[in-house]
Structures are given as structure tokens and as C-alpha cells.
């Protein structure tokens, strides 16, 4: 692990995950709960996908619940959904689920929010294939503290992957301090 002298260290939990993944024997034990969670997550996504695609493809149907909180419907779903809980092609709300999701909790193909989980995610805490955020986890993770196969940030942790960091870098294949 490369650390610039006098710099503050990044998140300890990211560092411990990165160090655990660099040892192949330990990586199997660490990754087993992840794969169990991932399988459950994918099973739920497949079940929800049928509902979401049916809603998205019916362009003329939009449901909004009669209960409103702060002017927004509690539940809204349709091609373009806006509400506390929004499900649809383009969903915006506190909890948003859809193709393009914007919200405090955003789940979808492209997600923008406080906590974003998707293929391409941008947020304070981003989890996805391409994750951009203050704390980011993903295949390509970019942010203040990044953990992924390729991690780029101030504190970059990559386990067996490639890490480029300005203050700290930890990767087995390549680690490099930028600047």
C-alpha cells in the first residue's frame, strides 16, 4: 500500500476489504456473503423488472396514490413517475426505481442520488458498474474514497485490481500515487 507521508488515511472499512481481497484464500471467505447478497438482489430485481417494464411500456398509464405527503404522492408509477416512492422509466422521488432514477435512494440502470445503486451510479454513496461518488464501490470506482477492480480517487483501494490515488493507493496489480 502506498501512502503519501503526513496524509490522513482513508476509510478503514474500505482498506480492510481491499486487504482481504488481495489474499486469494481469504477472498473466497469474504466474497461468499457478497455473492449471497448479490444472488438475492438479482432475484428481487428479476421479480421487480417484470412489473417495471410493464409500467414503462404502457406510456399512457400513470398511477399516483391519493395519499400525498408534502405535495408528492406516496406512490407513483408510470413511464414518468414523481413521488415519495417512484417506479418507472424516469423516476424521481425520495425512493426512485427505474431506468433513470433520481432520488435520495436511487435504484436503476442510471441512478443519481444520495445512495445510488445501478449500472451507472452517481451519488454520495455510489454502488455500480461505474460508480462516481464521495464513497464509491464498483467495477470502475471514482471518488474521494473508491473501492473496485479499478479505483481512482484520493484514497483508492482495489484488492487484486488497479488503484490510482492521490493520497493512498492499494492494489495488487498496480498501485500509483497521482501527482
C-alpha atoms as a PDB file:
ATOM      1  CA  UNK A   1       0.000   0.000   0.000  1.00  0.00           C
ATOM      2  CA  UNK A   2       1.290   3.407  -0.937  1.00  0.00           C
ATOM      3  CA  UNK A   3       0.545   6.293   1.400  1.00  0.00           C
ATOM      4  CA  UNK A   4       1.795   9.826   0.990  1.00  0.00           C
ATOM      5  CA  UNK A   5       3.769  10.874   4.119  1.00  0.00           C
ATOM      6  CA  UNK A   6       1.752  13.020   6.509  1.00  0.00           C
ATOM      7  CA  UNK A   7      -1.569  12.322   4.815  1.00  0.00           C
ATOM      8  CA  UNK A   8      -4.682  11.240   6.658  1.00  0.00           C
ATOM      9  CA  UNK A   9      -5.730   7.715   5.884  1.00  0.00           C
ATOM     10  CA  UNK A  10      -8.956   6.863   4.074  1.00  0.00           C
ATOM     11  CA  UNK A  11     -11.852   4.812   5.410  1.00  0.00           C
ATOM     12  CA  UNK A  12     -10.652   1.860   7.454  1.00  0.00           C
ATOM     13  CA  UNK A  13     -13.511  -0.392   6.270  1.00  0.00           C
ATOM     14  CA  UNK A  14     -12.506   0.091   2.620  1.00  0.00           C
ATOM     15  CA  UNK A  15      -8.882  -0.636   3.440  1.00  0.00           C
ATOM     16  CA  UNK A  16      -9.788  -3.848   5.281  1.00  0.00           C
ATOM     17  CA  UNK A  17     -11.951  -5.050   2.364  1.00  0.00           C
ATOM     18  CA  UNK A  18      -9.135  -4.288  -0.074  1.00  0.00           C
ATOM     19  CA  UNK A  19      -6.555  -6.125   2.046  1.00  0.00           C
ATOM     20  CA  UNK A  20      -8.907  -9.093   2.481  1.00  0.00           C
ATOM     21  CA  UNK A  21      -9.403  -9.380  -1.264  1.00  0.00           C
ATOM     22  CA  UNK A  22      -5.670  -9.350  -2.024  1.00  0.00           C
ATOM     23  CA  UNK A  23      -5.247 -12.792  -0.380  1.00  0.00           C
ATOM     24  CA  UNK A  24      -6.903 -15.441  -2.634  1.00  0.00           C
ATOM     25  CA  UNK A  25      -7.742 -17.824   0.244  1.00  0.00           C
ATOM     26  CA  UNK A  26      -9.260 -15.062   2.353  1.00  0.00           C
ATOM     27  CA  UNK A  27     -11.048 -13.584  -0.670  1.00  0.00           C
ATOM     28  CA  UNK A  28     -13.269 -16.667  -1.023  1.00  0.00           C
ATOM     29  CA  UNK A  29     -14.449 -16.360   2.590  1.00  0.00           C
ATOM     30  CA  UNK A  30     -15.008 -12.621   2.296  1.00  0.00           C
ATOM     31  CA  UNK A  31     -16.793 -12.811  -1.054  1.00  0.00           C
ATOM     32  CA  UNK A  32     -19.254 -15.582  -0.087  1.00  0.00           C
ATOM     33  CA  UNK A  33     -21.621 -13.199   1.797  1.00  0.00           C
ATOM     34  CA  UNK A  34     -21.317 -10.763  -1.097  1.00  0.00           C
ATOM     35  CA  UNK A  35     -22.351 -13.396  -3.643  1.00  0.00           C
ATOM     36  CA  UNK A  36     -25.256 -14.478  -1.427  1.00  0.00           C
ATOM     37  CA  UNK A  37     -26.439 -10.859  -1.211  1.00  0.00           C
ATOM     38  CA  UNK A  38     -25.882 -10.389  -4.950  1.00  0.00           C
ATOM     39  CA  UNK A  39     -27.922 -13.514  -5.810  1.00  0.00           C
ATOM     40  CA  UNK A  40     -30.773 -12.319  -3.576  1.00  0.00           C
ATOM     41  CA  UNK A  41     -30.548  -8.826  -5.072  1.00  0.00           C
ATOM     42  CA  UNK A  42     -30.693 -10.213  -8.628  1.00  0.00           C
ATOM     43  CA  UNK A  43     -33.631 -12.463  -7.761  1.00  0.00           C
ATOM     44  CA  UNK A  44     -35.552  -9.472  -6.415  1.00  0.00           C
ATOM     45  CA  UNK A  45     -34.559  -7.373  -9.437  1.00  0.00           C
ATOM     46  CA  UNK A  46     -35.841 -10.011 -11.847  1.00  0.00           C
ATOM     47  CA  UNK A  47     -39.158 -10.096  -9.998  1.00  0.00           C
ATOM     48  CA  UNK A  48     -39.480  -6.315  -9.964  1.00  0.00           C
ATOM     49  CA  UNK A  49     -38.295  -5.929 -13.562  1.00  0.00           C
ATOM     50  CA  UNK A  50     -41.417  -7.601 -14.926  1.00  0.00           C
ATOM     51  CA  UNK A  51     -43.566  -5.056 -13.098  1.00  0.00           C
ATOM     52  CA  UNK A  52     -41.413  -2.073 -14.079  1.00  0.00           C
ATOM     53  CA  UNK A  53     -41.200  -2.968 -17.774  1.00  0.00           C
ATOM     54  CA  UNK A  54     -44.963  -3.461 -17.928  1.00  0.00           C
ATOM     55  CA  UNK A  55     -45.401   0.012 -16.422  1.00  0.00           C
ATOM     56  CA  UNK A  56     -42.792   1.652 -18.640  1.00  0.00           C
ATOM     57  CA  UNK A  57     -44.161   0.220 -21.876  1.00  0.00           C
ATOM     58  CA  UNK A  58     -47.681   1.422 -21.110  1.00  0.00           C
ATOM     59  CA  UNK A  59     -46.970   5.072 -21.935  1.00  0.00           C
ATOM     60  CA  UNK A  60     -50.493   6.303 -21.255  1.00  0.00           C
ATOM     61  CA  UNK A  61     -50.864   4.845 -17.765  1.00  0.00           C
ATOM     62  CA  UNK A  62     -49.693   6.720 -14.694  1.00  0.00           C
ATOM     63  CA  UNK A  63     -50.761   5.805 -11.179  1.00  0.00           C
ATOM     64  CA  UNK A  64     -50.491   8.248  -8.295  1.00  0.00           C
ATOM     65  CA  UNK A  65     -51.772   7.350  -4.854  1.00  0.00           C
ATOM     66  CA  UNK A  66     -54.405   9.563  -3.256  1.00  0.00           C
ATOM     67  CA  UNK A  67     -52.271   9.997  -0.139  1.00  0.00           C
ATOM     68  CA  UNK A  68     -49.949  12.984  -0.587  1.00  0.00           C
ATOM     69  CA  UNK A  69     -47.041  13.990   1.626  1.00  0.00           C
ATOM     70  CA  UNK A  70     -45.561  17.473   1.128  1.00  0.00           C
ATOM     71  CA  UNK A  71     -47.396  17.736  -2.188  1.00  0.00           C
ATOM     72  CA  UNK A  72     -45.985  14.493  -3.593  1.00  0.00           C
ATOM     73  CA  UNK A  73     -47.958  11.269  -3.918  1.00  0.00           C
ATOM     74  CA  UNK A  74     -46.815   8.490  -1.601  1.00  0.00           C
ATOM     75  CA  UNK A  75     -46.606   6.011  -4.511  1.00  0.00           C
ATOM     76  CA  UNK A  76     -46.362   6.796  -8.183  1.00  0.00           C
ATOM     77  CA  UNK A  77     -45.616   4.544 -11.104  1.00  0.00           C
ATOM     78  CA  UNK A  78     -45.656   5.011 -14.825  1.00  0.00           C
ATOM     79  CA  UNK A  79     -43.377   5.966 -17.700  1.00  0.00           C
ATOM     80  CA  UNK A  80     -42.520   9.234 -15.925  1.00  0.00           C
ATOM     81  CA  UNK A  81     -43.130   8.919 -12.177  1.00  0.00           C
ATOM     82  CA  UNK A  82     -42.738  11.578  -9.488  1.00  0.00           C
ATOM     83  CA  UNK A  83     -43.477  10.810  -5.840  1.00  0.00           C
ATOM     84  CA  UNK A  84     -42.135   9.746  -2.474  1.00  0.00           C
ATOM     85  CA  UNK A  85     -41.809   6.223  -3.900  1.00  0.00           C
ATOM     86  CA  UNK A  86     -41.478   6.433  -7.694  1.00  0.00           C
ATOM     87  CA  UNK A  87     -41.261   3.448 -10.024  1.00  0.00           C
ATOM     88  CA  UNK A  88     -40.951   3.860 -13.772  1.00  0.00           C
ATOM     89  CA  UNK A  89     -38.847   4.645 -16.803  1.00  0.00           C
ATOM     90  CA  UNK A  90     -37.831   8.063 -15.484  1.00  0.00           C
ATOM     91  CA  UNK A  91     -38.429   8.090 -11.759  1.00  0.00           C
ATOM     92  CA  UNK A  92     -37.828  10.965  -9.365  1.00  0.00           C
ATOM     93  CA  UNK A  93     -38.584  10.890  -5.664  1.00  0.00           C
ATOM     94  CA  UNK A  94     -37.266  10.031  -2.242  1.00  0.00           C
ATOM     95  CA  UNK A  95     -37.056   6.349  -3.262  1.00  0.00           C
ATOM     96  CA  UNK A  96     -36.728   6.088  -7.042  1.00  0.00           C
ATOM     97  CA  UNK A  97     -36.616   2.868  -9.042  1.00  0.00           C
ATOM     98  CA  UNK A  98     -36.414   2.744 -12.812  1.00  0.00           C
ATOM     99  CA  UNK A  99     -34.380   3.103 -15.975  1.00  0.00           C
ATOM    100  CA  UNK A 100     -33.251   6.589 -14.991  1.00  0.00           C
ATOM    101  CA  UNK A 101     -33.716   7.124 -11.269  1.00  0.00           C
ATOM    102  CA  UNK A 102     -33.123  10.349  -9.344  1.00  0.00           C
ATOM    103  CA  UNK A 103     -33.713  10.438  -5.590  1.00  0.00           C
ATOM    104  CA  UNK A 104     -32.320  10.120  -2.105  1.00  0.00           C
ATOM    105  CA  UNK A 105     -32.327   6.333  -2.625  1.00  0.00           C
ATOM    106  CA  UNK A 106     -31.992   5.609  -6.348  1.00  0.00           C
ATOM    107  CA  UNK A 107     -32.018   2.153  -7.955  1.00  0.00           C
ATOM    108  CA  UNK A 108     -31.964   1.557 -11.707  1.00  0.00           C
ATOM    109  CA  UNK A 109     -29.990   1.492 -14.918  1.00  0.00           C
ATOM    110  CA  UNK A 110     -28.697   5.016 -14.352  1.00  0.00           C
ATOM    111  CA  UNK A 111     -29.051   6.374 -10.832  1.00  0.00           C
ATOM    112  CA  UNK A 112     -28.360   9.786  -9.338  1.00  0.00           C
ATOM    113  CA  UNK A 113     -28.880  10.314  -5.629  1.00  0.00           C
ATOM    114  CA  UNK A 114     -27.636  10.183  -2.079  1.00  0.00           C
ATOM    115  CA  UNK A 115     -27.358   6.402  -2.225  1.00  0.00           C
ATOM    116  CA  UNK A 116     -27.226   5.223  -5.829  1.00  0.00           C
ATOM    117  CA  UNK A 117     -27.226   1.549  -6.836  1.00  0.00           C
ATOM    118  CA  UNK A 118     -27.165   0.854 -10.564  1.00  0.00           C
ATOM    119  CA  UNK A 119     -25.112   0.127 -13.648  1.00  0.00           C
ATOM    120  CA  UNK A 120     -24.010   3.756 -13.787  1.00  0.00           C
ATOM    121  CA  UNK A 121     -24.384   5.436 -10.426  1.00  0.00           C
ATOM    122  CA  UNK A 122     -23.580   8.949  -9.257  1.00  0.00           C
ATOM    123  CA  UNK A 123     -24.118   9.886  -5.625  1.00  0.00           C
ATOM    124  CA  UNK A 124     -22.705  10.442  -2.192  1.00  0.00           C
ATOM    125  CA  UNK A 125     -22.543   6.662  -1.781  1.00  0.00           C
ATOM    126  CA  UNK A 126     -22.437   5.012  -5.212  1.00  0.00           C
ATOM    127  CA  UNK A 127     -22.517   1.271  -5.914  1.00  0.00           C
ATOM    128  CA  UNK A 128     -22.468   0.038  -9.505  1.00  0.00           C
ATOM    129  CA  UNK A 129     -20.531  -0.965 -12.585  1.00  0.00           C
ATOM    130  CA  UNK A 130     -19.388   2.638 -12.990  1.00  0.00           C
ATOM    131  CA  UNK A 131     -19.591   4.382  -9.627  1.00  0.00           C
ATOM    132  CA  UNK A 132     -18.897   8.084  -9.174  1.00  0.00           C
ATOM    133  CA  UNK A 133     -19.218   9.500  -5.682  1.00  0.00           C
ATOM    134  CA  UNK A 134     -17.732  10.517  -2.384  1.00  0.00           C
ATOM    135  CA  UNK A 135     -17.694   6.843  -1.336  1.00  0.00           C
ATOM    136  CA  UNK A 136     -17.857   4.648  -4.427  1.00  0.00           C
ATOM    137  CA  UNK A 137     -17.794   0.880  -4.876  1.00  0.00           C
ATOM    138  CA  UNK A 138     -17.884  -0.764  -8.285  1.00  0.00           C
ATOM    139  CA  UNK A 139     -16.084  -2.175 -11.283  1.00  0.00           C
ATOM    140  CA  UNK A 140     -14.712   1.284 -12.064  1.00  0.00           C
ATOM    141  CA  UNK A 141     -14.947   3.395  -8.921  1.00  0.00           C
ATOM    142  CA  UNK A 142     -14.071   7.081  -8.942  1.00  0.00           C
ATOM    143  CA  UNK A 143     -14.360   9.316  -5.886  1.00  0.00           C
ATOM    144  CA  UNK A 144     -12.934  10.625  -2.655  1.00  0.00           C
ATOM    145  CA  UNK A 145     -12.671   7.021  -1.429  1.00  0.00           C
ATOM    146  CA  UNK A 146     -13.004   4.389  -4.134  1.00  0.00           C
ATOM    147  CA  UNK A 147     -13.076   0.587  -3.913  1.00  0.00           C
ATOM    148  CA  UNK A 148     -13.273  -1.508  -7.059  1.00  0.00           C
ATOM    149  CA  UNK A 149     -11.492  -3.510  -9.712  1.00  0.00           C
ATOM    150  CA  UNK A 150     -10.133  -0.189 -10.936  1.00  0.00           C
ATOM    151  CA  UNK A 151     -10.226   2.527  -8.314  1.00  0.00           C
ATOM    152  CA  UNK A 152      -9.351   6.172  -8.863  1.00  0.00           C
ATOM    153  CA  UNK A 153      -9.539   8.787  -6.105  1.00  0.00           C
ATOM    154  CA  UNK A 154      -7.829  10.373  -3.163  1.00  0.00           C
ATOM    155  CA  UNK A 155      -7.987   7.044  -1.325  1.00  0.00           C
ATOM    156  CA  UNK A 156      -8.105   4.201  -3.863  1.00  0.00           C
ATOM    157  CA  UNK A 157      -8.479   0.549  -2.848  1.00  0.00           C
ATOM    158  CA  UNK A 158      -8.518  -2.193  -5.467  1.00  0.00           C
ATOM    159  CA  UNK A 159      -7.757  -5.524  -3.777  1.00  0.00           C
ATOM    160  CA  UNK A 160      -6.341  -7.539  -6.704  1.00  0.00           C
ATOM    161  CA  UNK A 161      -7.046  -4.712  -9.165  1.00  0.00           C
ATOM    162  CA  UNK A 162      -5.564  -1.396 -10.220  1.00  0.00           C
ATOM    163  CA  UNK A 163      -5.556   1.582  -7.837  1.00  0.00           C
ATOM    164  CA  UNK A 164      -4.665   5.192  -8.623  1.00  0.00           C
ATOM    165  CA  UNK A 165      -4.836   7.531  -5.643  1.00  0.00           C
ATOM    166  CA  UNK A 166      -3.562  10.973  -4.762  1.00  0.00           C
ATOM    167  CA  UNK A 167      -3.073  10.243  -1.032  1.00  0.00           C
ATOM    168  CA  UNK A 168      -3.382   6.470  -0.759  1.00  0.00           C
ATOM    169  CA  UNK A 169      -3.401   3.558  -3.221  1.00  0.00           C
ATOM    170  CA  UNK A 170      -3.777  -0.142  -2.521  1.00  0.00           C
ATOM    171  CA  UNK A 171      -3.944  -2.582  -5.415  1.00  0.00           C
ATOM    172  CA  UNK A 172      -2.200  -5.843  -6.092  1.00  0.00           C
ATOM    173  CA  UNK A 173      -1.723  -5.485  -9.861  1.00  0.00           C
ATOM    174  CA  UNK A 174      -0.749  -1.829  -9.883  1.00  0.00           C
ATOM    175  CA  UNK A 175      -0.836   0.963  -7.386  1.00  0.00           C
ATOM    176  CA  UNK A 176       0.195   4.503  -8.101  1.00  0.00           C
ATOM    177  CA  UNK A 177       0.023   7.831  -6.334  1.00  0.00           C
ATOM    178  CA  UNK A 178      -1.134  10.544  -8.712  1.00  0.00           C
ATOM    179  CA  UNK A 179       0.609  13.907  -8.602  1.00  0.00           C
END
